[in-house]
């Protein structure tokens, strides 16, 4: 795959245009990064290795980069197929979280997954509504389960 870093936080309109055009890109699998893709009634997370754009994301309304986002253009059929498969995998993982009927539990499980994979600062930088739309809860539910910064600071000091 060609190493094209196509997205920086200063270019969200360009990324949105690319996704809606049907252009297929892949989230760089060598970084801890991803993209939250807002659809009409929900959001999806595309993590490392996942396809974005193409037929998956026509109609995207907004995107939020997670981590140091880098997108690459797949050059071969096999690379595209693998990226599609990985995107389905990320969708299935999120779907498993939404199977829990208790909104507070869904929010807790999502935050735990994101905090396990990304650093705390990255997770803290994500808007409540973005996380809420991933698992079908209200933004206020996400706010309720986010650990207060003072608590995290004490945990970091006791670990260090």
C-alpha atoms as a PDB file:
ATOM      1  CA  UNK A   1       0.000   0.000   0.000  1.00  0.00           C
ATOM      2  CA  UNK A   2       1.208   3.472  -0.686  1.00  0.00           C
ATOM      3  CA  UNK A   3       2.091   5.411   2.451  1.00  0.00           C
ATOM      4  CA  UNK A   4      -0.184   8.428   2.073  1.00  0.00           C
ATOM      5  CA  UNK A   5      -0.900  10.318   5.238  1.00  0.00           C
ATOM      6  CA  UNK A   6      -4.037  11.990   3.957  1.00  0.00           C
ATOM      7  CA  UNK A   7      -5.645  13.319   7.082  1.00  0.00           C
ATOM      8  CA  UNK A   8      -4.654  15.848   9.653  1.00  0.00           C
ATOM      9  CA  UNK A   9      -7.043  17.491  12.081  1.00  0.00           C
ATOM     10  CA  UNK A  10      -6.922  20.673   9.989  1.00  0.00           C
ATOM     11  CA  UNK A  11      -8.537  18.900   7.014  1.00  0.00           C
ATOM     12  CA  UNK A  12     -11.854  17.416   8.218  1.00  0.00           C
ATOM     13  CA  UNK A  13     -13.797  18.800   5.240  1.00  0.00           C
ATOM     14  CA  UNK A  14     -11.378  17.141   2.805  1.00  0.00           C
ATOM     15  CA  UNK A  15     -11.714  13.794   4.572  1.00  0.00           C
ATOM     16  CA  UNK A  16     -15.505  14.045   4.600  1.00  0.00           C
ATOM     17  CA  UNK A  17     -15.460  14.817   0.890  1.00  0.00           C
ATOM     18  CA  UNK A  18     -13.200  11.808   0.198  1.00  0.00           C
ATOM     19  CA  UNK A  19     -15.418   9.435   2.177  1.00  0.00           C
ATOM     20  CA  UNK A  20     -18.593  10.653   0.509  1.00  0.00           C
ATOM     21  CA  UNK A  21     -17.018  10.405  -2.947  1.00  0.00           C
ATOM     22  CA  UNK A  22     -16.697   6.647  -2.568  1.00  0.00           C
ATOM     23  CA  UNK A  23     -12.890   6.707  -2.518  1.00  0.00           C
ATOM     24  CA  UNK A  24     -11.600   3.711  -0.567  1.00  0.00           C
ATOM     25  CA  UNK A  25      -8.932   4.302   2.069  1.00  0.00           C
ATOM     26  CA  UNK A  26      -7.558   2.148   4.874  1.00  0.00           C
ATOM     27  CA  UNK A  27      -6.792   3.152   8.461  1.00  0.00           C
ATOM     28  CA  UNK A  28      -3.056   2.582   8.941  1.00  0.00           C
ATOM     29  CA  UNK A  29      -2.636  -0.750  10.703  1.00  0.00           C
ATOM     30  CA  UNK A  30       0.794   0.178  12.095  1.00  0.00           C
ATOM     31  CA  UNK A  31      -0.551   2.889  14.395  1.00  0.00           C
ATOM     32  CA  UNK A  32      -2.958   3.088  17.292  1.00  0.00           C
ATOM     33  CA  UNK A  33      -5.465   5.164  15.403  1.00  0.00           C
ATOM     34  CA  UNK A  34      -8.935   5.059  13.986  1.00  0.00           C
ATOM     35  CA  UNK A  35     -11.843   7.062  12.739  1.00  0.00           C
ATOM     36  CA  UNK A  36     -15.297   7.610  14.174  1.00  0.00           C
ATOM     37  CA  UNK A  37     -17.660   7.900  11.238  1.00  0.00           C
ATOM     38  CA  UNK A  38     -21.010   9.586  11.862  1.00  0.00           C
ATOM     39  CA  UNK A  39     -23.883   8.182   9.850  1.00  0.00           C
ATOM     40  CA  UNK A  40     -27.434   9.540   9.907  1.00  0.00           C
ATOM     41  CA  UNK A  41     -28.594   7.768  13.085  1.00  0.00           C
ATOM     42  CA  UNK A  42     -25.454   6.258  14.592  1.00  0.00           C
ATOM     43  CA  UNK A  43     -21.675   6.264  14.458  1.00  0.00           C
ATOM     44  CA  UNK A  44     -19.178   3.520  13.617  1.00  0.00           C
ATOM     45  CA  UNK A  45     -15.573   3.072  14.666  1.00  0.00           C
ATOM     46  CA  UNK A  46     -13.086   2.025  12.004  1.00  0.00           C
ATOM     47  CA  UNK A  47      -9.898   0.910  13.712  1.00  0.00           C
ATOM     48  CA  UNK A  48      -6.458  -0.050  12.400  1.00  0.00           C
ATOM     49  CA  UNK A  49      -6.592  -1.924   9.117  1.00  0.00           C
ATOM     50  CA  UNK A  50     -10.235  -1.085   8.423  1.00  0.00           C
ATOM     51  CA  UNK A  51     -11.588   0.226   5.147  1.00  0.00           C
ATOM     52  CA  UNK A  52     -13.150   3.682   5.188  1.00  0.00           C
ATOM     53  CA  UNK A  53     -14.925   5.296   2.323  1.00  0.00           C
ATOM     54  CA  UNK A  54     -15.983   3.108  -0.572  1.00  0.00           C
ATOM     55  CA  UNK A  55     -19.557   1.853  -0.316  1.00  0.00           C
ATOM     56  CA  UNK A  56     -19.328   1.730   3.506  1.00  0.00           C
ATOM     57  CA  UNK A  57     -19.348   5.452   4.092  1.00  0.00           C
ATOM     58  CA  UNK A  58     -21.256   7.263   1.360  1.00  0.00           C
ATOM     59  CA  UNK A  59     -23.576   9.568   3.278  1.00  0.00           C
ATOM     60  CA  UNK A  60     -21.134  10.196   6.116  1.00  0.00           C
ATOM     61  CA  UNK A  61     -22.078  13.379   7.952  1.00  0.00           C
ATOM     62  CA  UNK A  62     -19.021  13.911  10.166  1.00  0.00           C
ATOM     63  CA  UNK A  63     -15.778  12.229  11.177  1.00  0.00           C
ATOM     64  CA  UNK A  64     -13.586  12.323  14.264  1.00  0.00           C
ATOM     65  CA  UNK A  65      -9.994  11.078  14.073  1.00  0.00           C
ATOM     66  CA  UNK A  66      -8.879   8.946  17.014  1.00  0.00           C
ATOM     67  CA  UNK A  67      -5.184   8.980  17.836  1.00  0.00           C
ATOM     68  CA  UNK A  68      -2.652  10.018  15.218  1.00  0.00           C
ATOM     69  CA  UNK A  69      -4.802   9.136  12.223  1.00  0.00           C
ATOM     70  CA  UNK A  70      -3.130   8.087   8.993  1.00  0.00           C
ATOM     71  CA  UNK A  71      -4.979   6.729   5.984  1.00  0.00           C
ATOM     72  CA  UNK A  72      -3.461   4.823   3.110  1.00  0.00           C
ATOM     73  CA  UNK A  73      -4.741   3.915  -0.346  1.00  0.00           C
ATOM     74  CA  UNK A  74      -4.939   0.173  -1.026  1.00  0.00           C
ATOM     75  CA  UNK A  75      -3.350  -0.724  -4.341  1.00  0.00           C
ATOM     76  CA  UNK A  76      -4.326  -4.377  -4.728  1.00  0.00           C
ATOM     77  CA  UNK A  77      -7.559  -6.311  -4.678  1.00  0.00           C
ATOM     78  CA  UNK A  78      -6.351  -8.457  -1.754  1.00  0.00           C
ATOM     79  CA  UNK A  79      -5.561  -5.365   0.311  1.00  0.00           C
ATOM     80  CA  UNK A  80      -9.067  -4.000  -0.288  1.00  0.00           C
ATOM     81  CA  UNK A  81     -10.670  -7.329   0.620  1.00  0.00           C
ATOM     82  CA  UNK A  82      -8.669  -7.557   3.832  1.00  0.00           C
ATOM     83  CA  UNK A  83      -9.606  -3.966   4.745  1.00  0.00           C
ATOM     84  CA  UNK A  84     -13.304  -4.712   4.158  1.00  0.00           C
ATOM     85  CA  UNK A  85     -13.035  -7.775   6.366  1.00  0.00           C
ATOM     86  CA  UNK A  86     -11.342  -5.781   9.138  1.00  0.00           C
ATOM     87  CA  UNK A  87     -14.025  -3.082   8.943  1.00  0.00           C
ATOM     88  CA  UNK A  88     -16.709  -5.762   9.404  1.00  0.00           C
ATOM     89  CA  UNK A  89     -14.729  -7.040  12.386  1.00  0.00           C
ATOM     90  CA  UNK A  90     -14.746  -3.575  14.031  1.00  0.00           C
ATOM     91  CA  UNK A  91     -18.490  -3.283  13.384  1.00  0.00           C
ATOM     92  CA  UNK A  92     -19.083  -6.695  14.993  1.00  0.00           C
ATOM     93  CA  UNK A  93     -17.033  -5.721  18.058  1.00  0.00           C
ATOM     94  CA  UNK A  94     -19.146  -2.600  18.539  1.00  0.00           C
ATOM     95  CA  UNK A  95     -22.318  -4.610  17.939  1.00  0.00           C
ATOM     96  CA  UNK A  96     -21.326  -6.955  20.776  1.00  0.00           C
ATOM     97  CA  UNK A  97     -21.164  -3.969  23.119  1.00  0.00           C
ATOM     98  CA  UNK A  98     -24.626  -2.817  22.072  1.00  0.00           C
ATOM     99  CA  UNK A  99     -26.168  -6.200  22.863  1.00  0.00           C
ATOM    100  CA  UNK A 100     -26.148  -5.271  26.552  1.00  0.00           C
ATOM    101  CA  UNK A 101     -29.617  -3.816  27.293  1.00  0.00           C
ATOM    102  CA  UNK A 102     -28.306  -1.539  30.081  1.00  0.00           C
ATOM    103  CA  UNK A 103     -27.089   1.805  28.664  1.00  0.00           C
ATOM    104  CA  UNK A 104     -24.721   2.470  31.568  1.00  0.00           C
ATOM    105  CA  UNK A 105     -23.060  -0.915  31.028  1.00  0.00           C
ATOM    106  CA  UNK A 106     -22.700  -0.287  27.286  1.00  0.00           C
ATOM    107  CA  UNK A 107     -21.012   3.042  28.008  1.00  0.00           C
ATOM    108  CA  UNK A 108     -18.687   1.458  30.595  1.00  0.00           C
ATOM    109  CA  UNK A 109     -17.695  -1.363  28.262  1.00  0.00           C
ATOM    110  CA  UNK A 110     -16.998   1.042  25.391  1.00  0.00           C
ATOM    111  CA  UNK A 111     -14.856   3.328  27.525  1.00  0.00           C
ATOM    112  CA  UNK A 112     -12.983   0.334  28.943  1.00  0.00           C
ATOM    113  CA  UNK A 113     -12.234  -0.893  25.409  1.00  0.00           C
ATOM    114  CA  UNK A 114     -11.055   2.518  24.228  1.00  0.00           C
ATOM    115  CA  UNK A 115      -8.954   3.102  27.378  1.00  0.00           C
ATOM    116  CA  UNK A 116      -7.374  -0.326  26.938  1.00  0.00           C
ATOM    117  CA  UNK A 117      -6.361   0.408  23.361  1.00  0.00           C
ATOM    118  CA  UNK A 118      -5.663   4.165  23.406  1.00  0.00           C
ATOM    119  CA  UNK A 119      -4.008   6.344  26.017  1.00  0.00           C
ATOM    120  CA  UNK A 120      -6.219   8.199  28.505  1.00  0.00           C
ATOM    121  CA  UNK A 121      -5.536  11.590  26.896  1.00  0.00           C
ATOM    122  CA  UNK A 122      -6.791  10.330  23.538  1.00  0.00           C
ATOM    123  CA  UNK A 123      -9.977   8.923  25.062  1.00  0.00           C
ATOM    124  CA  UNK A 124     -10.516  12.108  27.083  1.00  0.00           C
ATOM    125  CA  UNK A 125     -10.268  14.170  23.903  1.00  0.00           C
ATOM    126  CA  UNK A 126     -13.173  12.330  22.260  1.00  0.00           C
ATOM    127  CA  UNK A 127     -16.520  14.107  22.503  1.00  0.00           C
ATOM    128  CA  UNK A 128     -19.197  12.463  24.624  1.00  0.00           C
ATOM    129  CA  UNK A 129     -21.634  12.458  21.715  1.00  0.00           C
ATOM    130  CA  UNK A 130     -19.167  10.583  19.480  1.00  0.00           C
ATOM    131  CA  UNK A 131     -18.773   7.774  22.005  1.00  0.00           C
ATOM    132  CA  UNK A 132     -22.498   7.798  22.794  1.00  0.00           C
ATOM    133  CA  UNK A 133     -23.417   7.349  19.135  1.00  0.00           C
ATOM    134  CA  UNK A 134     -21.190   4.288  18.878  1.00  0.00           C
ATOM    135  CA  UNK A 135     -23.228   2.294  21.406  1.00  0.00           C
ATOM    136  CA  UNK A 136     -26.622   3.990  21.332  1.00  0.00           C
ATOM    137  CA  UNK A 137     -26.592   5.881  24.619  1.00  0.00           C
ATOM    138  CA  UNK A 138     -27.062   9.519  25.549  1.00  0.00           C
ATOM    139  CA  UNK A 139     -23.969  11.739  25.858  1.00  0.00           C
ATOM    140  CA  UNK A 140     -24.909  12.265  29.515  1.00  0.00           C
ATOM    141  CA  UNK A 141     -24.485   8.504  30.064  1.00  0.00           C
ATOM    142  CA  UNK A 142     -20.917   8.709  28.751  1.00  0.00           C
ATOM    143  CA  UNK A 143     -20.242  11.684  31.050  1.00  0.00           C
ATOM    144  CA  UNK A 144     -21.517   9.679  34.029  1.00  0.00           C
ATOM    145  CA  UNK A 145     -19.081   6.829  33.468  1.00  0.00           C
ATOM    146  CA  UNK A 146     -15.994   8.822  32.536  1.00  0.00           C
ATOM    147  CA  UNK A 147     -13.645   8.804  35.481  1.00  0.00           C
ATOM    148  CA  UNK A 148     -13.017  12.270  36.891  1.00  0.00           C
ATOM    149  CA  UNK A 149      -9.529  13.543  36.074  1.00  0.00           C
ATOM    150  CA  UNK A 150      -8.647  13.898  39.767  1.00  0.00           C
ATOM    151  CA  UNK A 151      -9.283  10.158  40.285  1.00  0.00           C
ATOM    152  CA  UNK A 152      -7.086   9.254  37.287  1.00  0.00           C
ATOM    153  CA  UNK A 153      -4.323  11.573  38.506  1.00  0.00           C
ATOM    154  CA  UNK A 154      -4.286   9.771  41.868  1.00  0.00           C
ATOM    155  CA  UNK A 155      -4.150   6.396  40.079  1.00  0.00           C
ATOM    156  CA  UNK A 156      -1.246   7.526  37.899  1.00  0.00           C
ATOM    157  CA  UNK A 157       0.697   8.846  40.894  1.00  0.00           C
ATOM    158  CA  UNK A 158       0.156   5.620  42.868  1.00  0.00           C
ATOM    159  CA  UNK A 159       1.279   3.497  39.878  1.00  0.00           C
ATOM    160  CA  UNK A 160       4.352   5.641  39.084  1.00  0.00           C
END
